[in-house]
């Protein structure tokens, strides 16, 4: 080997290590992004299940009730149900008023065509529309993820309230 080739060898090795590290970090980022997308797909699936459940339940007799478990991905703390035709009065499942930061967020994103909001806002889309679903005890009525709500079939809608087991 010539002297110039020996002197350049450490630079080639360092460059190869840097490229290897960049490929490794890129791979880790891709895996984490896929994990986030999987959570979002699971969330969308659960919201679709909720829509189907309310649609099916709305065909039952007036006054019929059913327990419904809020079972969304782990990043969601509260599921809030809003009625655009009522005054704003945010209530948690224990009957206490919503914390200030939660109130500020929901008031900022409230859209009349959406009636289901997720808190905290960890996903790309944190609000959805579930036809015929209205809250009873607050507006919005926020139920802790993993707890149960009580669906009740009304004349032209399905109401939801917190159900304490």
Protein backbone atom coordinates (compact mmCIF):
# COMPACT_ATOMS: atom_id res chain seq x y z
CA UNK A 1 0.00 0.00 0.00
CA UNK A 2 1.15 3.48 -0.73
CA UNK A 3 1.44 6.15 1.91
CA UNK A 4 -1.50 8.19 0.45
CA UNK A 5 -3.78 5.19 0.55
CA UNK A 6 -2.96 4.47 4.20
CA UNK A 7 -3.60 8.09 5.20
CA UNK A 8 -7.03 8.10 3.49
CA UNK A 9 -8.23 4.85 5.05
CA UNK A 10 -9.32 6.38 8.42
CA UNK A 11 -11.40 9.00 6.60
CA UNK A 12 -13.18 6.30 4.59
CA UNK A 13 -13.92 4.34 7.78
CA UNK A 14 -15.26 7.43 9.56
CA UNK A 15 -17.42 8.28 6.55
CA UNK A 16 -18.76 4.69 6.46
CA UNK A 17 -19.61 4.87 10.19
CA UNK A 18 -21.46 8.16 9.71
CA UNK A 19 -23.47 6.75 6.79
CA UNK A 20 -24.25 3.58 8.81
CA UNK A 21 -25.46 5.67 11.77
CA UNK A 22 -27.69 7.79 9.50
CA UNK A 23 -29.26 4.66 7.98
CA UNK A 24 -29.86 3.26 11.48
CA UNK A 25 -31.54 6.48 12.72
CA UNK A 26 -33.65 6.67 9.56
CA UNK A 27 -34.83 3.08 10.13
CA UNK A 28 -35.76 3.81 13.74
CA UNK A 29 -37.73 6.91 12.66
CA UNK A 30 -39.65 4.90 10.06
CA UNK A 31 -40.57 2.24 12.65
CA UNK A 32 -41.79 4.89 15.11
CA UNK A 33 -43.85 6.61 12.39
CA UNK A 34 -45.45 3.28 11.49
CA UNK A 35 -46.35 2.75 15.14
CA UNK A 36 -48.04 6.18 15.26
CA UNK A 37 -49.95 5.42 12.06
CA UNK A 38 -51.10 2.08 13.52
CA UNK A 39 -52.49 3.90 16.60
CA UNK A 40 -54.31 6.36 14.34
CA UNK A 41 -55.77 3.52 12.26
CA UNK A 42 -56.96 1.84 15.47
CA UNK A 43 -58.56 5.14 16.56
CA UNK A 44 -60.36 5.52 13.23
CA UNK A 45 -61.59 1.93 13.52
CA UNK A 46 -62.97 2.55 17.03
CA UNK A 47 -64.75 5.74 15.91
CA UNK A 48 -66.31 3.83 13.00
CA UNK A 49 -67.45 1.17 15.49
CA UNK A 50 -69.03 3.92 17.61
CA UNK A 51 -70.84 5.33 14.57
CA UNK A 52 -72.16 1.90 13.64
CA UNK A 53 -73.23 1.20 17.24
CA UNK A 54 -75.18 4.47 17.47
CA UNK A 55 -76.75 3.94 14.03
CA UNK A 56 -77.87 0.43 14.95
CA UNK A 57 -79.04 1.48 18.42
CA UNK A 58 -81.11 4.37 16.99
CA UNK A 59 -83.39 1.78 15.39
CA UNK A 60 -84.35 0.30 18.78
CA UNK A 61 -87.49 1.32 20.67
CA UNK A 62 -87.61 4.73 22.30
CA UNK A 63 -86.26 4.59 25.85
CA UNK A 64 -84.00 1.58 25.24
CA UNK A 65 -80.63 1.81 27.01
CA UNK A 66 -77.28 0.15 26.54
CA UNK A 67 -73.85 0.42 28.18
CA UNK A 68 -71.05 1.43 25.83
CA UNK A 69 -67.37 1.23 26.82
CA UNK A 70 -65.06 4.02 25.65
CA UNK A 71 -62.23 1.87 24.33
CA UNK A 72 -59.83 4.09 22.37
CA UNK A 73 -56.02 3.96 22.00
CA UNK A 74 -53.95 4.75 25.11
CA UNK A 75 -53.04 8.34 24.14
CA UNK A 76 -56.68 9.41 24.58
CA UNK A 77 -57.61 10.43 28.13
CA UNK A 78 -61.15 11.72 27.55
CA UNK A 79 -63.82 11.35 24.88
CA UNK A 80 -66.01 14.45 24.83
CA UNK A 81 -69.48 14.61 23.28
CA UNK A 82 -70.79 18.01 22.15
CA UNK A 83 -74.17 19.37 21.08
CA UNK A 84 -73.94 22.55 19.00
CA UNK A 85 -77.54 23.49 19.83
CA UNK A 86 -76.95 23.79 23.59
CA UNK A 87 -74.97 26.19 25.80
CA UNK A 88 -71.33 25.32 26.48
CA UNK A 89 -70.89 23.68 29.91
CA UNK A 90 -68.00 21.18 29.95
CA UNK A 91 -68.46 18.40 32.55
CA UNK A 92 -66.25 15.40 33.32
CA UNK A 93 -67.62 11.94 34.10
CA UNK A 94 -67.43 12.59 37.84
CA UNK A 95 -69.67 15.67 37.53
CA UNK A 96 -66.84 18.16 38.05
CA UNK A 97 -66.20 20.96 35.54
CA UNK A 98 -63.46 20.40 32.96
CA UNK A 99 -59.98 21.78 33.69
CA UNK A 100 -59.16 25.18 32.15
CA UNK A 101 -56.69 23.81 29.57
CA UNK A 102 -59.25 21.25 28.40
CA UNK A 103 -61.95 23.93 28.15
CA UNK A 104 -59.65 26.19 26.13
CA UNK A 105 -58.77 23.41 23.71
CA UNK A 106 -62.35 22.25 23.13
CA UNK A 107 -63.68 25.81 22.75
CA UNK A 108 -60.93 26.52 20.22
CA UNK A 109 -61.68 23.51 18.00
CA UNK A 110 -65.47 23.27 18.31
CA UNK A 111 -67.06 22.96 14.88
CA UNK A 112 -70.83 22.73 14.60
CA UNK A 113 -70.64 19.70 12.30
CA UNK A 114 -68.49 17.68 14.76
CA UNK A 115 -69.74 16.25 18.02
CA UNK A 116 -66.98 13.92 19.31
CA UNK A 117 -63.70 15.39 20.55
CA UNK A 118 -60.62 13.66 21.95
CA UNK A 119 -58.44 15.05 24.71
CA UNK A 120 -55.46 15.48 24.83
CA UNK A 121 -54.96 16.34 21.16
CA UNK A 122 -52.32 13.72 20.31
CA UNK A 123 -53.61 12.70 16.89
CA UNK A 124 -53.69 14.37 13.50
CA UNK A 125 -57.50 14.54 13.69
CA UNK A 126 -58.97 14.88 17.18
CA UNK A 127 -62.63 15.43 16.37
CA UNK A 128 -65.23 13.38 14.56
CA UNK A 129 -68.89 13.37 13.72
CA UNK A 130 -71.23 10.65 14.98
CA UNK A 131 -74.74 11.32 13.71
CA UNK A 132 -77.66 11.42 16.16
CA UNK A 133 -75.40 11.30 19.25
CA UNK A 134 -75.95 14.01 21.89
CA UNK A 135 -74.69 14.47 25.48
CA UNK A 136 -77.06 14.68 28.44
CA UNK A 137 -75.23 15.89 31.58
CA UNK A 138 -72.93 18.51 30.08
CA UNK A 139 -72.03 20.15 26.84
CA UNK A 140 -69.55 18.72 26.20
CA UNK A 141 -69.88 15.64 28.39
CA UNK A 142 -66.36 14.16 28.74
CA UNK A 143 -66.00 10.49 29.66
CA UNK A 144 -62.67 8.98 30.71
CA UNK A 145 -61.23 6.54 28.20
CA UNK A 146 -61.88 2.98 29.39
CA UNK A 147 -65.01 3.94 31.36
CA UNK A 148 -68.60 3.37 30.29
CA UNK A 149 -71.27 5.59 28.86
CA UNK A 150 -74.98 4.86 28.79
CA UNK A 151 -76.68 5.14 25.41
CA UNK A 152 -80.40 5.93 25.49
CA UNK A 153 -82.58 5.95 22.41
CA UNK A 154 -84.63 9.16 22.21
CA UNK A 155 -87.28 10.20 19.67
CA UNK A 156 -84.87 11.48 17.02
CA UNK A 157 -81.44 10.98 18.59
CA UNK A 158 -79.33 8.80 20.85
CA UNK A 159 -78.22 10.40 24.10
CA UNK A 160 -75.06 9.50 26.00
CA UNK A 161 -74.16 10.03 29.62
CA UNK A 162 -71.52 8.68 31.99
CA UNK A 163 -72.41 5.30 33.50
CA UNK A 164 -70.88 4.54 36.87
CA UNK A 165 -70.37 0.84 37.47
